[in-house]
Amino acid sequence: MGAVKTRDAYAWNIGIDHNQWIPWLNATSTFTISAQQFWNRGLGVHNNFKSGMPPGLLNDADMVPIRPRSAAPTGPNPTPEEAARPGGVGLRNATPCYTGPSGKAPCAFKAFIGTPEETQLTTLFIGTQYRAGNVRPSLTFFYDWSGAWLMQPGVDWIFHDPFRLSVRYNWIDGRYAVGGGIGLFKTRDNIWVELQYLLP
């Protein structure tokens, strides 16, 4: 337990790209619109232990090791602080958690999450350019069909050659799901800033 086994998988993806004029937003350049659908299913993947049997050779699960983390509360009326824990309200994996007298679960799960049996991901990218290509705004959207999504607005700016600046904001939300995916990072919104210098 604790390692991902080698598995065969069925996987496919399909995409469509299109350049669209939107003169009232950009009279000099088109908007690039690109969408993709990804699907992957692992053969023989088991991300839960069989009930009534202890973990072992005859009852193993495909797990991914992660850092240990506190459990989400399971009571009917969690406090705002409890509800704000990573993962939100409810158990975050198949491992049962001890419930104390208060009806909540102030315990910690082991440092494993289940490998997803199937993943479906839809992506969309929209971008254009201004000022002869020196300013390039974009919007990227990921939707994980387990119920989570990521929205990433950004801009690339060549403000003084050879200096370039890239800024991205990752807005992640949705449902946490066993097996990870985008939902694993639902409380980890972040900003990415990169300054580049191109060598002559």
N, C-alpha and C. Protein backbone atom coordinates (compact mmCIF):
# COMPACT_ATOMS: atom_id res chain seq x y z
N MET A 1 0.84 -1.19 0.00
CA MET A 1 0.00 0.00 0.00
C MET A 1 0.89 1.25 0.00
N GLY A 2 0.39 2.33 -0.61
CA GLY A 2 1.14 3.57 -0.60
C GLY A 2 1.84 3.86 -1.89
N ALA A 3 1.72 2.98 -2.88
CA ALA A 3 2.35 3.21 -4.18
C ALA A 3 1.32 2.93 -5.27
N VAL A 4 1.44 3.63 -6.37
CA VAL A 4 0.51 3.43 -7.48
C VAL A 4 1.04 2.29 -8.34
N LYS A 5 0.23 1.27 -8.54
CA LYS A 5 0.64 0.14 -9.36
C LYS A 5 0.64 0.53 -10.83
N THR A 6 1.38 -0.24 -11.63
CA THR A 6 1.35 -0.04 -13.08
C THR A 6 0.04 -0.58 -13.62
N ARG A 7 -0.70 0.25 -14.32
CA ARG A 7 -2.01 -0.13 -14.84
C ARG A 7 -2.12 0.25 -16.31
N ASP A 8 -2.85 -0.58 -17.06
CA ASP A 8 -3.25 -0.17 -18.40
C ASP A 8 -4.43 0.78 -18.28
N ALA A 9 -4.67 1.56 -19.33
CA ALA A 9 -5.76 2.54 -19.27
C ALA A 9 -6.30 2.79 -20.66
N TYR A 10 -7.59 3.11 -20.69
CA TYR A 10 -8.20 3.64 -21.90
C TYR A 10 -8.17 5.16 -21.78
N ALA A 11 -7.74 5.85 -22.83
CA ALA A 11 -7.67 7.31 -22.78
C ALA A 11 -7.89 7.88 -24.17
N TRP A 12 -8.57 9.01 -24.23
CA TRP A 12 -8.74 9.72 -25.49
C TRP A 12 -8.94 11.20 -25.21
N ASN A 13 -8.72 12.00 -26.22
CA ASN A 13 -9.05 13.42 -26.12
C ASN A 13 -9.43 13.94 -27.50
N ILE A 14 -10.23 14.97 -27.50
CA ILE A 14 -10.67 15.60 -28.74
C ILE A 14 -10.63 17.11 -28.53
N GLY A 15 -10.24 17.85 -29.54
CA GLY A 15 -10.13 19.29 -29.41
C GLY A 15 -10.63 20.02 -30.64
N ILE A 16 -10.95 21.28 -30.46
CA ILE A 16 -11.37 22.12 -31.57
C ILE A 16 -10.78 23.51 -31.37
N ASP A 17 -10.22 24.09 -32.43
CA ASP A 17 -9.63 25.43 -32.40
C ASP A 17 -10.34 26.32 -33.39
N HIS A 18 -10.47 27.59 -33.03
CA HIS A 18 -11.18 28.53 -33.90
C HIS A 18 -10.64 29.94 -33.66
N ASN A 19 -10.46 30.69 -34.74
CA ASN A 19 -10.10 32.11 -34.65
C ASN A 19 -11.34 32.95 -34.97
N GLN A 20 -11.69 33.85 -34.06
CA GLN A 20 -12.93 34.62 -34.17
C GLN A 20 -12.66 36.11 -34.09
N TRP A 21 -13.18 36.86 -35.07
CA TRP A 21 -13.13 38.32 -34.99
C TRP A 21 -14.20 38.82 -34.05
N ILE A 22 -13.82 39.70 -33.12
CA ILE A 22 -14.77 40.41 -32.25
C ILE A 22 -14.35 41.87 -32.29
N PRO A 23 -14.75 42.62 -33.34
CA PRO A 23 -14.21 43.97 -33.57
C PRO A 23 -14.41 44.94 -32.41
N TRP A 24 -15.51 44.81 -31.68
CA TRP A 24 -15.77 45.77 -30.61
C TRP A 24 -14.87 45.54 -29.39
N LEU A 25 -14.19 44.36 -29.33
CA LEU A 25 -13.20 44.11 -28.29
C LEU A 25 -11.77 44.26 -28.79
N ASN A 26 -11.56 43.94 -30.08
CA ASN A 26 -10.22 44.04 -30.66
C ASN A 26 -10.37 44.20 -32.17
N ALA A 27 -10.08 45.39 -32.66
CA ALA A 27 -10.29 45.68 -34.08
C ALA A 27 -9.11 45.26 -34.96
N THR A 28 -8.00 44.82 -34.33
CA THR A 28 -6.81 44.52 -35.13
C THR A 28 -6.40 43.04 -35.11
N SER A 29 -6.87 42.27 -34.12
CA SER A 29 -6.48 40.86 -34.03
C SER A 29 -7.68 39.99 -33.67
N THR A 30 -7.61 38.74 -34.08
CA THR A 30 -8.68 37.80 -33.75
C THR A 30 -8.50 37.25 -32.35
N PHE A 31 -9.54 36.60 -31.86
CA PHE A 31 -9.49 35.86 -30.61
C PHE A 31 -9.28 34.38 -30.93
N THR A 32 -8.31 33.77 -30.29
CA THR A 32 -8.08 32.34 -30.44
C THR A 32 -8.92 31.61 -29.40
N ILE A 33 -9.76 30.70 -29.84
CA ILE A 33 -10.61 29.91 -28.96
C ILE A 33 -10.25 28.44 -29.15
N SER A 34 -9.86 27.79 -28.08
CA SER A 34 -9.44 26.39 -28.14
C SER A 34 -10.11 25.61 -27.02
N ALA A 35 -10.76 24.51 -27.37
CA ALA A 35 -11.44 23.68 -26.37
C ALA A 35 -11.01 22.22 -26.54
N GLN A 36 -10.88 21.51 -25.42
CA GLN A 36 -10.50 20.10 -25.44
C GLN A 36 -11.33 19.33 -24.42
N GLN A 37 -11.53 18.05 -24.72
CA GLN A 37 -12.16 17.12 -23.79
C GLN A 37 -11.21 15.94 -23.60
N PHE A 38 -10.85 15.66 -22.33
CA PHE A 38 -9.96 14.54 -22.01
C PHE A 38 -10.73 13.51 -21.18
N TRP A 39 -10.46 12.23 -21.46
CA TRP A 39 -11.09 11.14 -20.70
C TRP A 39 -10.05 10.05 -20.48
N ASN A 40 -9.99 9.54 -19.25
CA ASN A 40 -9.03 8.48 -18.92
C ASN A 40 -9.68 7.54 -17.91
N ARG A 41 -9.54 6.24 -18.18
CA ARG A 41 -10.04 5.23 -17.23
C ARG A 41 -8.97 4.17 -17.03
N GLY A 42 -8.52 4.00 -15.79
CA GLY A 42 -7.56 2.97 -15.47
C GLY A 42 -8.22 1.61 -15.33
N LEU A 43 -7.60 0.59 -15.83
CA LEU A 43 -8.15 -0.76 -15.76
C LEU A 43 -7.71 -1.44 -14.48
N GLY A 44 -8.68 -1.95 -13.74
CA GLY A 44 -8.36 -2.66 -12.50
C GLY A 44 -7.97 -1.77 -11.34
N VAL A 45 -8.34 -0.48 -11.39
CA VAL A 45 -8.01 0.44 -10.30
C VAL A 45 -9.03 0.29 -9.18
N HIS A 46 -8.55 0.17 -7.95
CA HIS A 46 -9.41 0.10 -6.77
C HIS A 46 -8.93 1.16 -5.78
N ASN A 47 -9.74 2.19 -5.55
CA ASN A 47 -9.30 3.26 -4.65
C ASN A 47 -9.96 3.20 -3.28
N ASN A 48 -10.63 2.09 -2.98
CA ASN A 48 -11.21 1.90 -1.66
C ASN A 48 -10.89 0.48 -1.18
N PHE A 49 -10.77 0.31 0.13
CA PHE A 49 -10.60 -1.02 0.71
C PHE A 49 -11.96 -1.71 0.79
N LYS A 50 -11.96 -3.03 0.67
CA LYS A 50 -13.19 -3.80 0.81
C LYS A 50 -13.64 -3.73 2.26
N SER A 51 -14.94 -3.51 2.47
CA SER A 51 -15.45 -3.40 3.83
C SER A 51 -15.39 -4.76 4.53
N GLY A 52 -15.12 -4.72 5.82
CA GLY A 52 -15.09 -5.94 6.61
C GLY A 52 -13.80 -6.71 6.53
N MET A 53 -12.81 -6.21 5.78
CA MET A 53 -11.52 -6.88 5.66
C MET A 53 -10.41 -5.90 5.97
N PRO A 54 -9.38 -6.32 6.68
CA PRO A 54 -8.27 -5.41 6.97
C PRO A 54 -7.42 -5.19 5.72
N PRO A 55 -6.74 -4.05 5.59
CA PRO A 55 -5.83 -3.84 4.47
C PRO A 55 -4.75 -4.91 4.47
N GLY A 56 -4.36 -5.35 3.31
CA GLY A 56 -3.34 -6.37 3.21
C GLY A 56 -3.24 -6.89 1.80
N LEU A 57 -2.60 -8.05 1.64
CA LEU A 57 -2.35 -8.63 0.32
C LEU A 57 -3.64 -8.90 -0.43
N LEU A 58 -4.68 -9.36 0.27
CA LEU A 58 -5.95 -9.69 -0.37
C LEU A 58 -6.94 -8.52 -0.36
N ASN A 59 -6.56 -7.43 0.24
CA ASN A 59 -7.44 -6.27 0.29
C ASN A 59 -6.58 -5.01 0.21
N ASP A 60 -6.13 -4.70 -0.99
CA ASP A 60 -5.26 -3.54 -1.19
C ASP A 60 -6.01 -2.50 -2.00
N ALA A 61 -5.51 -1.29 -1.97
CA ALA A 61 -6.12 -0.19 -2.73
C ALA A 61 -5.01 0.63 -3.36
N ASP A 62 -5.31 1.19 -4.52
CA ASP A 62 -4.35 2.05 -5.22
C ASP A 62 -4.38 3.43 -4.57
N MET A 63 -3.32 3.78 -3.88
CA MET A 63 -3.28 5.01 -3.11
C MET A 63 -2.09 5.86 -3.53
N VAL A 64 -2.23 7.17 -3.34
CA VAL A 64 -1.17 8.12 -3.62
C VAL A 64 -0.75 8.78 -2.31
N PRO A 65 0.55 8.76 -1.94
CA PRO A 65 0.96 9.37 -0.67
C PRO A 65 0.95 10.89 -0.75
N ILE A 66 0.45 11.52 0.30
CA ILE A 66 0.42 12.98 0.42
C ILE A 66 0.80 13.35 1.85
N ARG A 67 0.86 14.64 2.10
CA ARG A 67 1.14 15.12 3.46
C ARG A 67 -0.08 14.87 4.35
N PRO A 68 0.10 14.41 5.59
CA PRO A 68 -1.04 14.22 6.50
C PRO A 68 -1.80 15.53 6.70
N ARG A 69 -3.11 15.42 6.82
CA ARG A 69 -3.93 16.62 6.98
C ARG A 69 -5.10 16.33 7.90
N SER A 70 -5.61 17.37 8.53
CA SER A 70 -6.71 17.21 9.47
C SER A 70 -7.99 16.87 8.73
N ALA A 71 -8.88 16.16 9.41
CA ALA A 71 -10.14 15.79 8.80
C ALA A 71 -11.09 16.97 8.78
N ALA A 72 -12.02 16.96 7.84
CA ALA A 72 -13.07 17.96 7.83
C ALA A 72 -14.13 17.57 8.85
N PRO A 73 -14.86 18.53 9.42
CA PRO A 73 -15.89 18.19 10.41
C PRO A 73 -17.05 17.45 9.75
N THR A 74 -17.69 16.56 10.52
CA THR A 74 -18.81 15.80 9.98
C THR A 74 -20.12 16.11 10.69
N GLY A 75 -20.11 17.00 11.67
CA GLY A 75 -21.33 17.32 12.40
C GLY A 75 -22.31 18.11 11.56
N PRO A 76 -23.57 18.16 11.98
CA PRO A 76 -24.60 18.87 11.21
C PRO A 76 -24.45 20.39 11.26
N ASN A 77 -23.78 20.91 12.30
CA ASN A 77 -23.66 22.36 12.45
C ASN A 77 -22.21 22.75 12.74
N PRO A 78 -21.33 22.64 11.74
CA PRO A 78 -19.93 23.02 11.98
C PRO A 78 -19.78 24.51 12.17
N THR A 79 -18.79 24.90 12.95
CA THR A 79 -18.50 26.32 13.11
C THR A 79 -17.89 26.87 11.82
N PRO A 80 -17.88 28.20 11.62
CA PRO A 80 -17.25 28.76 10.42
C PRO A 80 -15.79 28.36 10.27
N GLU A 81 -15.06 28.27 11.42
CA GLU A 81 -13.67 27.87 11.35
C GLU A 81 -13.53 26.43 10.88
N GLU A 82 -14.42 25.55 11.34
CA GLU A 82 -14.36 24.15 10.93
C GLU A 82 -14.74 23.99 9.46
N ALA A 83 -15.74 24.72 9.04
CA ALA A 83 -16.19 24.62 7.65
C ALA A 83 -15.14 25.14 6.68
N ALA A 84 -14.23 26.00 7.17
CA ALA A 84 -13.21 26.58 6.30
C ALA A 84 -11.99 25.68 6.14
N ARG A 85 -11.96 24.54 6.83
CA ARG A 85 -10.82 23.64 6.68
C ARG A 85 -10.73 23.12 5.25
N PRO A 86 -9.54 22.74 4.80
CA PRO A 86 -9.41 22.19 3.45
C PRO A 86 -10.35 21.03 3.21
N GLY A 87 -11.09 21.09 2.11
CA GLY A 87 -12.02 20.03 1.78
C GLY A 87 -13.44 20.33 2.18
N GLY A 88 -13.66 21.33 3.05
CA GLY A 88 -15.02 21.65 3.45
C GLY A 88 -15.59 20.64 4.42
N VAL A 89 -16.91 20.62 4.53
CA VAL A 89 -17.58 19.74 5.49
C VAL A 89 -17.66 18.33 4.92
N GLY A 90 -17.44 17.32 5.75
CA GLY A 90 -17.58 15.93 5.33
C GLY A 90 -16.25 15.23 5.20
N LEU A 91 -16.29 13.90 5.27
CA LEU A 91 -15.07 13.12 5.15
C LEU A 91 -14.45 13.32 3.79
N ARG A 92 -13.12 13.33 3.73
CA ARG A 92 -12.42 13.59 2.48
C ARG A 92 -11.82 12.33 1.87
N ASN A 93 -11.99 11.20 2.49
CA ASN A 93 -11.61 9.94 1.84
C ASN A 93 -12.43 8.82 2.45
N ALA A 94 -12.16 7.60 2.05
CA ALA A 94 -13.00 6.49 2.48
C ALA A 94 -12.66 5.99 3.88
N THR A 95 -11.59 6.47 4.48
CA THR A 95 -11.20 6.01 5.80
C THR A 95 -12.13 6.58 6.86
N PRO A 96 -12.78 5.74 7.68
CA PRO A 96 -13.66 6.28 8.72
C PRO A 96 -12.86 7.06 9.76
N CYS A 97 -13.45 8.11 10.28
CA CYS A 97 -12.78 8.96 11.25
C CYS A 97 -13.52 8.89 12.57
N TYR A 98 -12.80 8.87 13.67
CA TYR A 98 -13.43 8.80 14.98
C TYR A 98 -14.29 10.03 15.23
N THR A 99 -15.49 9.80 15.70
CA THR A 99 -16.41 10.90 16.00
C THR A 99 -16.52 11.03 17.51
N GLY A 100 -16.19 12.21 18.01
CA GLY A 100 -16.23 12.44 19.44
C GLY A 100 -17.63 12.77 19.93
N PRO A 101 -17.77 13.09 21.23
CA PRO A 101 -19.09 13.39 21.82
C PRO A 101 -19.78 14.57 21.15
N SER A 102 -19.00 15.50 20.57
CA SER A 102 -19.62 16.67 19.96
C SER A 102 -20.26 16.36 18.60
N GLY A 103 -20.02 15.15 18.09
CA GLY A 103 -20.56 14.80 16.78
C GLY A 103 -19.68 15.23 15.63
N LYS A 104 -18.51 15.78 15.95
CA LYS A 104 -17.58 16.23 14.91
C LYS A 104 -16.36 15.31 14.88
N ALA A 105 -15.47 15.52 13.96
CA ALA A 105 -14.34 14.61 13.80
C ALA A 105 -13.02 15.37 13.83
N PRO A 106 -12.49 15.65 15.01
CA PRO A 106 -11.23 16.42 15.11
C PRO A 106 -10.00 15.54 14.99
N CYS A 107 -9.97 14.63 14.03
CA CYS A 107 -8.84 13.72 13.90
C CYS A 107 -8.12 13.98 12.58
N ALA A 108 -7.09 13.18 12.31
CA ALA A 108 -6.29 13.36 11.10
C ALA A 108 -6.29 12.08 10.30
N PHE A 109 -6.42 12.19 9.00
CA PHE A 109 -6.35 11.03 8.13
C PHE A 109 -4.90 10.66 7.87
N LYS A 110 -4.69 9.39 7.48
CA LYS A 110 -3.36 8.98 7.06
C LYS A 110 -3.00 9.70 5.77
N ALA A 111 -1.73 9.69 5.44
CA ALA A 111 -1.25 10.49 4.32
C ALA A 111 -1.39 9.77 2.98
N PHE A 112 -2.63 9.35 2.67
CA PHE A 112 -2.90 8.69 1.40
C PHE A 112 -4.24 9.15 0.87
N ILE A 113 -4.35 9.26 -0.44
CA ILE A 113 -5.63 9.46 -1.10
C ILE A 113 -5.76 8.43 -2.20
N GLY A 114 -6.99 8.10 -2.55
CA GLY A 114 -7.22 7.08 -3.56
C GLY A 114 -6.90 7.57 -4.97
N THR A 115 -6.37 6.65 -5.79
CA THR A 115 -6.15 6.95 -7.21
C THR A 115 -7.50 6.96 -7.91
N PRO A 116 -7.81 7.98 -8.72
CA PRO A 116 -9.11 8.00 -9.39
C PRO A 116 -9.25 6.87 -10.40
N GLU A 117 -10.42 6.21 -10.40
CA GLU A 117 -10.68 5.16 -11.38
C GLU A 117 -10.91 5.76 -12.76
N GLU A 118 -11.52 6.94 -12.79
CA GLU A 118 -11.82 7.58 -14.07
C GLU A 118 -11.71 9.09 -13.91
N THR A 119 -11.15 9.76 -14.90
CA THR A 119 -11.07 11.22 -14.89
C THR A 119 -11.62 11.76 -16.21
N GLN A 120 -12.37 12.84 -16.11
CA GLN A 120 -12.87 13.55 -17.27
C GLN A 120 -12.60 15.04 -17.06
N LEU A 121 -11.97 15.66 -18.03
CA LEU A 121 -11.56 17.06 -17.90
C LEU A 121 -11.90 17.81 -19.18
N THR A 122 -12.57 18.94 -19.03
CA THR A 122 -12.88 19.82 -20.15
C THR A 122 -12.09 21.11 -19.99
N THR A 123 -11.44 21.57 -21.06
CA THR A 123 -10.64 22.79 -20.99
C THR A 123 -11.10 23.77 -22.07
N LEU A 124 -10.92 25.05 -21.77
CA LEU A 124 -11.24 26.12 -22.72
C LEU A 124 -10.21 27.22 -22.58
N PHE A 125 -9.67 27.68 -23.71
CA PHE A 125 -8.70 28.77 -23.72
C PHE A 125 -9.19 29.85 -24.67
N ILE A 126 -9.16 31.10 -24.22
CA ILE A 126 -9.51 32.25 -25.06
C ILE A 126 -8.41 33.29 -24.89
N GLY A 127 -7.83 33.73 -25.99
CA GLY A 127 -6.75 34.72 -25.92
C GLY A 127 -6.70 35.59 -27.15
N THR A 128 -6.11 36.76 -27.00
CA THR A 128 -5.92 37.69 -28.11
C THR A 128 -4.67 38.50 -27.84
N GLN A 129 -4.37 39.47 -28.71
CA GLN A 129 -3.18 40.30 -28.51
C GLN A 129 -3.46 41.74 -28.92
N TYR A 130 -2.79 42.64 -28.22
CA TYR A 130 -2.89 44.08 -28.49
C TYR A 130 -1.49 44.66 -28.65
N ARG A 131 -1.43 45.88 -29.16
CA ARG A 131 -0.17 46.63 -29.28
C ARG A 131 0.90 45.80 -30.01
N ALA A 132 0.52 45.32 -31.19
CA ALA A 132 1.41 44.55 -32.06
C ALA A 132 1.96 43.29 -31.37
N GLY A 133 1.14 42.70 -30.52
CA GLY A 133 1.54 41.46 -29.85
C GLY A 133 2.29 41.65 -28.55
N ASN A 134 2.49 42.89 -28.11
CA ASN A 134 3.22 43.14 -26.87
C ASN A 134 2.38 42.92 -25.62
N VAL A 135 1.06 42.94 -25.74
CA VAL A 135 0.15 42.68 -24.62
C VAL A 135 -0.79 41.55 -25.04
N ARG A 136 -0.77 40.45 -24.28
CA ARG A 136 -1.54 39.26 -24.65
C ARG A 136 -2.38 38.78 -23.47
N PRO A 137 -3.60 39.26 -23.34
CA PRO A 137 -4.48 38.76 -22.27
C PRO A 137 -5.05 37.39 -22.67
N SER A 138 -5.39 36.61 -21.66
CA SER A 138 -5.95 35.28 -21.92
C SER A 138 -6.82 34.85 -20.76
N LEU A 139 -7.67 33.87 -21.03
CA LEU A 139 -8.50 33.25 -20.00
C LEU A 139 -8.50 31.74 -20.25
N THR A 140 -8.13 30.97 -19.23
CA THR A 140 -8.14 29.52 -19.31
C THR A 140 -9.11 28.97 -18.29
N PHE A 141 -9.91 27.98 -18.71
CA PHE A 141 -10.91 27.39 -17.82
C PHE A 141 -10.79 25.87 -17.87
N PHE A 142 -10.67 25.23 -16.69
CA PHE A 142 -10.66 23.77 -16.58
C PHE A 142 -11.90 23.36 -15.79
N TYR A 143 -12.59 22.34 -16.27
CA TYR A 143 -13.69 21.76 -15.49
C TYR A 143 -13.45 20.28 -15.31
N ASP A 144 -13.29 19.85 -14.06
CA ASP A 144 -13.13 18.45 -13.71
C ASP A 144 -14.53 17.91 -13.42
N TRP A 145 -14.93 16.85 -14.14
CA TRP A 145 -16.30 16.36 -14.05
C TRP A 145 -16.61 15.66 -12.73
N SER A 146 -15.64 15.61 -11.82
CA SER A 146 -15.94 15.18 -10.46
C SER A 146 -16.58 16.32 -9.67
N GLY A 147 -16.61 17.53 -10.26
CA GLY A 147 -17.33 18.64 -9.64
C GLY A 147 -16.48 19.83 -9.25
N ALA A 148 -15.27 19.93 -9.76
CA ALA A 148 -14.39 21.06 -9.42
C ALA A 148 -13.94 21.78 -10.68
N TRP A 149 -13.51 23.04 -10.51
CA TRP A 149 -13.09 23.82 -11.67
C TRP A 149 -11.99 24.80 -11.30
N LEU A 150 -11.28 25.23 -12.35
CA LEU A 150 -10.22 26.22 -12.22
C LEU A 150 -10.42 27.29 -13.29
N MET A 151 -10.35 28.54 -12.89
CA MET A 151 -10.41 29.66 -13.83
C MET A 151 -9.11 30.47 -13.70
N GLN A 152 -8.44 30.69 -14.83
CA GLN A 152 -7.13 31.32 -14.79
C GLN A 152 -7.07 32.50 -15.77
N PRO A 153 -7.41 33.72 -15.32
CA PRO A 153 -7.14 34.89 -16.16
C PRO A 153 -5.65 35.25 -16.07
N GLY A 154 -5.12 35.80 -17.15
CA GLY A 154 -3.70 36.14 -17.15
C GLY A 154 -3.36 37.12 -18.25
N VAL A 155 -2.15 37.62 -18.19
CA VAL A 155 -1.67 38.54 -19.22
C VAL A 155 -0.15 38.38 -19.36
N ASP A 156 0.33 38.43 -20.59
CA ASP A 156 1.76 38.47 -20.89
C ASP A 156 2.07 39.84 -21.50
N TRP A 157 3.11 40.50 -20.98
CA TRP A 157 3.39 41.88 -21.37
C TRP A 157 4.87 42.04 -21.68
N ILE A 158 5.18 42.41 -22.90
CA ILE A 158 6.56 42.77 -23.29
C ILE A 158 6.65 44.29 -23.13
N PHE A 159 7.07 44.73 -21.95
CA PHE A 159 7.03 46.16 -21.65
C PHE A 159 8.30 46.88 -22.09
N HIS A 160 9.42 46.15 -22.20
CA HIS A 160 10.66 46.77 -22.67
C HIS A 160 11.60 45.64 -23.06
N ASP A 161 11.72 45.39 -24.36
CA ASP A 161 12.55 44.29 -24.83
C ASP A 161 13.98 44.43 -24.30
N PRO A 162 14.56 43.41 -23.69
CA PRO A 162 14.19 41.99 -23.66
C PRO A 162 13.44 41.55 -22.39
N PHE A 163 12.77 42.48 -21.68
CA PHE A 163 12.05 42.13 -20.46
C PHE A 163 10.60 41.77 -20.78
N ARG A 164 10.11 40.71 -20.12
CA ARG A 164 8.73 40.29 -20.29
C ARG A 164 8.14 39.94 -18.93
N LEU A 165 6.87 40.23 -18.76
CA LEU A 165 6.19 39.97 -17.50
C LEU A 165 4.96 39.10 -17.77
N SER A 166 4.82 38.03 -16.98
CA SER A 166 3.65 37.16 -17.07
C SER A 166 2.97 37.12 -15.70
N VAL A 167 1.65 37.29 -15.70
CA VAL A 167 0.87 37.25 -14.47
C VAL A 167 -0.32 36.32 -14.66
N ARG A 168 -0.54 35.41 -13.71
CA ARG A 168 -1.68 34.49 -13.74
C ARG A 168 -2.32 34.44 -12.36
N TYR A 169 -3.64 34.32 -12.35
CA TYR A 169 -4.36 34.10 -11.10
C TYR A 169 -5.14 32.79 -11.23
N ASN A 170 -4.90 31.85 -10.32
CA ASN A 170 -5.59 30.57 -10.33
C ASN A 170 -6.71 30.58 -9.30
N TRP A 171 -7.93 30.57 -9.78
CA TRP A 171 -9.12 30.56 -8.92
C TRP A 171 -9.69 29.15 -8.99
N ILE A 172 -9.60 28.40 -7.87
CA ILE A 172 -9.98 27.00 -7.83
C ILE A 172 -11.13 26.82 -6.85
N ASP A 173 -12.16 26.11 -7.29
CA ASP A 173 -13.31 25.91 -6.42
C ASP A 173 -14.03 24.64 -6.85
N GLY A 174 -15.10 24.32 -6.14
CA GLY A 174 -15.89 23.14 -6.47
C GLY A 174 -15.84 22.10 -5.38
N ARG A 175 -16.18 20.88 -5.73
CA ARG A 175 -16.32 19.79 -4.76
C ARG A 175 -15.02 19.01 -4.65
N TYR A 176 -14.63 18.71 -3.41
CA TYR A 176 -13.51 17.80 -3.19
C TYR A 176 -13.98 16.40 -3.52
N ALA A 177 -13.16 15.61 -4.24
CA ALA A 177 -13.53 14.25 -4.61
C ALA A 177 -12.41 13.30 -4.25
N VAL A 178 -12.80 12.07 -3.85
CA VAL A 178 -11.80 11.03 -3.59
C VAL A 178 -11.00 10.81 -4.87
N GLY A 179 -9.70 10.78 -4.75
CA GLY A 179 -8.87 10.60 -5.92
C GLY A 179 -8.20 11.88 -6.38
N GLY A 180 -8.51 12.99 -5.71
CA GLY A 180 -7.79 14.22 -6.02
C GLY A 180 -8.38 14.97 -7.19
N GLY A 181 -7.53 15.29 -8.19
CA GLY A 181 -7.98 16.15 -9.28
C GLY A 181 -7.91 17.60 -8.84
N ILE A 182 -8.58 18.48 -9.60
CA ILE A 182 -8.56 19.90 -9.29
C ILE A 182 -9.13 20.17 -7.90
N GLY A 183 -10.16 19.41 -7.50
CA GLY A 183 -10.80 19.64 -6.21
C GLY A 183 -9.87 19.49 -5.03
N LEU A 184 -8.76 18.78 -5.19
CA LEU A 184 -7.80 18.62 -4.11
C LEU A 184 -7.19 19.96 -3.69
N PHE A 185 -7.20 20.94 -4.60
CA PHE A 185 -6.58 22.24 -4.34
C PHE A 185 -7.63 23.35 -4.20
N LYS A 186 -8.85 23.01 -3.81
CA LYS A 186 -9.95 23.98 -3.81
C LYS A 186 -9.76 25.13 -2.83
N THR A 187 -8.89 24.99 -1.87
CA THR A 187 -8.62 26.08 -0.94
C THR A 187 -7.23 26.67 -1.17
N ARG A 188 -6.71 26.50 -2.37
CA ARG A 188 -5.34 26.93 -2.66
C ARG A 188 -5.29 27.88 -3.85
N ASP A 189 -6.18 28.86 -3.89
CA ASP A 189 -6.08 29.90 -4.92
C ASP A 189 -4.70 30.55 -4.82
N ASN A 190 -4.15 30.95 -5.96
CA ASN A 190 -2.81 31.53 -5.93
C ASN A 190 -2.59 32.45 -7.11
N ILE A 191 -1.59 33.31 -6.96
CA ILE A 191 -1.18 34.23 -8.02
C ILE A 191 0.25 33.87 -8.42
N TRP A 192 0.48 33.84 -9.72
CA TRP A 192 1.79 33.51 -10.25
C TRP A 192 2.30 34.70 -11.04
N VAL A 193 3.50 35.18 -10.71
CA VAL A 193 4.12 36.32 -11.39
C VAL A 193 5.52 35.88 -11.84
N GLU A 194 5.83 36.13 -13.11
CA GLU A 194 7.12 35.73 -13.64
C GLU A 194 7.72 36.87 -14.46
N LEU A 195 8.95 37.25 -14.14
CA LEU A 195 9.68 38.26 -14.91
C LEU A 195 10.76 37.56 -15.71
N GLN A 196 10.76 37.77 -17.00
CA GLN A 196 11.73 37.11 -17.89
C GLN A 196 12.68 38.11 -18.49
N TYR A 197 13.92 37.67 -18.68
CA TYR A 197 14.92 38.43 -19.39
C TYR A 197 15.49 37.53 -20.47
N LEU A 198 15.29 37.89 -21.74
CA LEU A 198 15.77 37.09 -22.86
C LEU A 198 17.20 37.45 -23.20
N LEU A 199 18.08 36.47 -23.14
CA LEU A 199 19.49 36.71 -23.46
C LEU A 199 19.65 36.98 -24.95
N PRO A 200 20.55 37.92 -25.31
CA PRO A 200 20.74 38.23 -26.73
C PRO A 200 21.43 37.08 -27.46
